[in-house]
Amino acid sequence: MAHRSRSSGSREVIRSVPLTLDGADEPGFKRLIAYWRSKHRGDKLPARRDIEPADLKPILAQMLLVDVLREPLDFRYRLAGTLSYDIFGYDLTGKRVREVEPAEWAQAVWESLATIVRTRDPQYVRLDFETPEGNRRSYRVLRLPLAEDGETVDCIMLLSDFGLDAHEFRAHLDAVYGKQD
């Protein structure tokens, strides 16, 4: 099901199109999916402790780890790859997802993460948007659940392909939501 995020002026901001994990064709995505699957313990999800950053060195700059907080449900960035800085202009590490600007974007990310916690299913989506200059762009993001006990999602590993055009994506967010200070 596609998720459409809109600004208060009803202009479509980002359209999220679900993709299948087996449809991942970019090498970084393929690598992370294969790695995540290799860390499964039977039908149990891998734990955060099963993930060795050295194994993922070529894609670390594009990765994020998000801790799942309970009572109430919330999410905090445990680790944010350096390319996320190009989009947000600061290190996301330690911030709660809803603290990130723009708020509507943060809420859409929060809702996607909450779905993963509820379903335990990975997400691989294409984010479609139009730049202020009228250029259509698509970026993909992969979100993979991790669980210390193999069942209860307590961390989510993300990989995005914003890296090459991070500034263009940031300009889009600023144009739609207003420049963030």
Protein backbone atom coordinates (compact mmCIF):
# COMPACT_ATOMS: atom_id res chain seq x y z
CA MET A 1 0.00 0.00 0.00
CA ALA A 2 1.42 3.37 -0.96
CA HIS A 3 1.76 6.04 1.68
CA ARG A 4 1.38 9.62 0.60
CA SER A 5 2.74 12.36 2.77
CA ARG A 6 1.32 15.82 2.24
CA SER A 7 2.11 19.26 3.50
CA SER A 8 -0.62 21.45 4.96
CA GLY A 9 -1.08 23.04 1.53
CA SER A 10 -2.13 19.63 0.08
CA ARG A 11 0.87 19.45 -2.27
CA GLU A 12 2.06 15.88 -2.48
CA VAL A 13 5.39 15.61 -0.73
CA ILE A 14 6.50 12.02 -1.02
CA ARG A 15 4.78 8.93 -2.32
CA SER A 16 6.01 5.67 -0.83
CA VAL A 17 5.77 2.64 -3.11
CA PRO A 18 6.36 -0.79 -1.52
CA LEU A 19 8.85 -3.02 -3.31
CA THR A 20 9.75 -6.67 -2.73
CA LEU A 21 13.07 -7.59 -1.14
CA ASP A 22 13.76 -9.93 -4.03
CA GLY A 23 13.40 -6.97 -6.39
CA ALA A 24 16.39 -5.15 -4.91
CA ASP A 25 18.82 -4.61 -7.76
CA GLU A 26 21.30 -2.11 -6.28
CA PRO A 27 24.41 -3.88 -4.92
CA GLY A 28 24.26 -2.24 -1.47
CA PHE A 29 20.66 -3.31 -0.97
CA LYS A 30 21.37 -6.83 -2.21
CA ARG A 31 24.35 -7.06 0.11
CA LEU A 32 22.42 -5.95 3.20
CA ILE A 33 19.41 -8.19 2.47
CA ALA A 34 21.67 -11.23 2.00
CA TYR A 35 23.60 -10.35 5.16
CA TRP A 36 20.40 -9.87 7.22
CA ARG A 37 18.98 -13.17 5.95
CA SER A 38 22.26 -14.96 6.77
CA LYS A 39 21.97 -13.78 10.38
CA HIS A 40 18.50 -15.28 10.92
CA ARG A 41 18.36 -18.09 13.50
CA GLY A 42 15.89 -20.42 11.85
CA ASP A 43 12.65 -18.46 11.71
CA LYS A 44 13.91 -16.00 14.34
CA LEU A 45 14.95 -12.46 13.47
CA PRO A 46 18.62 -11.58 13.88
CA ALA A 47 19.63 -9.53 16.92
CA ARG A 48 21.56 -6.26 16.90
CA ARG A 49 24.50 -8.17 18.42
CA ASP A 50 24.54 -10.41 15.31
CA ILE A 51 25.36 -7.41 13.09
CA GLU A 52 29.08 -6.73 12.71
CA PRO A 53 29.74 -3.23 11.30
CA ALA A 54 33.05 -4.34 9.79
CA ASP A 55 31.08 -6.72 7.54
CA LEU A 56 29.14 -3.76 6.14
CA LYS A 57 31.94 -1.21 5.74
CA PRO A 58 31.19 -0.38 2.05
CA ILE A 59 27.64 0.73 2.92
CA LEU A 60 28.01 2.12 6.47
CA ALA A 61 27.76 5.75 5.33
CA GLN A 62 24.25 5.02 4.02
CA MET A 63 23.09 3.07 7.08
CA LEU A 64 21.12 3.96 10.18
CA LEU A 65 20.22 1.95 13.26
CA VAL A 66 17.06 2.90 15.13
CA ASP A 67 16.32 1.67 18.65
CA VAL A 68 12.73 0.78 19.49
CA LEU A 69 11.63 2.31 22.79
CA ARG A 70 8.60 0.98 24.68
CA GLU A 71 5.97 2.44 27.00
CA PRO A 72 5.13 4.44 24.98
CA LEU A 73 6.33 3.23 21.61
CA ASP A 74 8.98 5.53 20.18
CA PHE A 75 12.17 5.40 18.11
CA ARG A 76 15.67 6.83 18.64
CA TYR A 77 18.55 6.89 16.18
CA ARG A 78 21.33 4.74 17.65
CA LEU A 79 23.66 5.27 14.71
CA ALA A 80 23.40 7.49 11.66
CA GLY A 81 25.70 7.08 8.69
CA THR A 82 27.56 10.15 7.52
CA LEU A 83 25.41 10.63 4.42
CA SER A 84 22.38 11.39 6.61
CA TYR A 85 24.24 14.52 7.69
CA ASP A 86 24.07 15.78 4.09
CA ILE A 87 20.29 15.67 4.25
CA PHE A 88 19.60 16.93 7.76
CA GLY A 89 22.67 19.06 8.39
CA TYR A 90 23.40 17.47 11.75
CA ASP A 91 24.08 14.09 13.31
CA LEU A 92 20.87 12.17 13.98
CA THR A 93 22.55 9.90 16.54
CA GLY A 94 20.69 10.05 19.86
CA LYS A 95 17.70 11.94 18.47
CA ARG A 96 14.17 10.57 18.56
CA VAL A 97 12.61 10.17 15.13
CA ARG A 98 9.92 12.77 15.86
CA GLU A 99 12.57 15.35 16.80
CA VAL A 100 13.80 15.49 13.20
CA GLU A 101 12.54 18.29 10.97
CA PRO A 102 10.38 18.56 9.02
CA ALA A 103 7.82 17.19 11.47
CA GLU A 104 5.51 15.70 8.82
CA TRP A 105 8.40 13.77 7.30
CA ALA A 106 9.39 12.53 10.77
CA GLN A 107 5.82 11.40 11.46
CA ALA A 108 5.70 9.41 8.20
CA VAL A 109 8.99 7.69 9.13
CA TRP A 110 7.69 7.04 12.67
CA GLU A 111 4.55 5.38 11.28
CA SER A 112 6.59 3.16 8.95
CA LEU A 113 8.80 2.06 11.84
CA ALA A 114 5.73 1.36 14.00
CA THR A 115 4.41 -0.92 11.24
CA ILE A 116 7.66 -2.91 11.31
CA VAL A 117 7.40 -3.32 15.09
CA ARG A 118 3.81 -4.53 14.75
CA THR A 119 4.29 -6.87 11.77
CA ARG A 120 7.98 -7.86 12.13
CA ASP A 121 8.15 -7.54 8.32
CA PRO A 122 10.99 -5.76 6.52
CA GLN A 123 10.18 -2.76 4.34
CA TYR A 124 11.74 -1.91 1.02
CA VAL A 125 10.18 1.14 -0.54
CA ARG A 126 10.74 3.64 -3.28
CA LEU A 127 10.13 7.25 -2.29
CA ASP A 128 8.91 9.31 -5.25
CA PHE A 129 8.91 13.11 -5.18
CA GLU A 130 9.27 16.14 -7.40
CA THR A 131 12.07 18.68 -6.90
CA PRO A 132 11.30 22.41 -6.73
CA GLU A 133 12.56 22.59 -10.33
CA GLY A 134 9.93 20.05 -11.42
CA ASN A 135 12.27 17.06 -11.76
CA ARG A 136 10.84 13.74 -10.67
CA ARG A 137 13.12 11.74 -8.42
CA SER A 138 12.99 8.37 -6.73
CA TYR A 139 15.01 7.09 -3.83
CA ARG A 140 14.83 3.76 -2.11
CA VAL A 141 15.05 2.84 1.54
CA LEU A 142 15.36 -0.59 3.12
CA ARG A 143 14.23 -1.16 6.73
CA LEU A 144 15.07 -4.48 8.39
CA PRO A 145 13.84 -5.56 11.84
CA LEU A 146 16.19 -6.90 14.51
CA ALA A 147 15.14 -8.64 17.74
CA GLU A 148 17.30 -9.70 20.68
CA ASP A 149 14.85 -12.49 21.52
CA GLY A 150 14.25 -13.30 17.83
CA GLU A 151 10.62 -12.16 18.11
CA THR A 152 10.17 -8.69 19.64
CA VAL A 153 11.56 -6.01 17.33
CA ASP A 154 13.90 -3.81 19.39
CA CYS A 155 16.06 -2.28 16.65
CA ILE A 156 15.60 -1.46 12.97
CA MET A 157 18.46 -1.35 10.48
CA LEU A 158 18.03 1.05 7.55
CA LEU A 159 19.83 1.59 4.28
CA SER A 160 19.00 4.47 1.97
CA ASP A 161 20.26 5.55 -1.42
CA PHE A 162 20.07 9.30 -0.74
CA GLY A 163 23.86 9.60 -0.91
CA LEU A 164 24.45 10.85 -4.44
CA ASP A 165 21.68 13.47 -4.43
CA ALA A 166 21.27 14.14 -0.71
CA HIS A 167 21.38 17.92 -1.23
CA GLU A 168 18.63 17.70 -3.84
CA PHE A 169 16.46 15.69 -1.46
CA ARG A 170 17.10 18.21 1.34
CA ALA A 171 16.17 21.06 -1.02
CA HIS A 172 12.91 19.26 -1.76
CA LEU A 173 12.07 18.94 1.95
CA ASP A 174 12.91 22.64 2.47
CA ALA A 175 10.75 23.71 -0.48
CA VAL A 176 7.74 21.74 0.69
CA TYR A 177 7.96 22.28 4.43
CA GLY A 178 9.88 25.56 4.55
CA LYS A 179 13.58 25.88 5.26
CA GLN A 180 14.48 24.46 8.66
CA ASP A 181 16.86 26.37 10.92
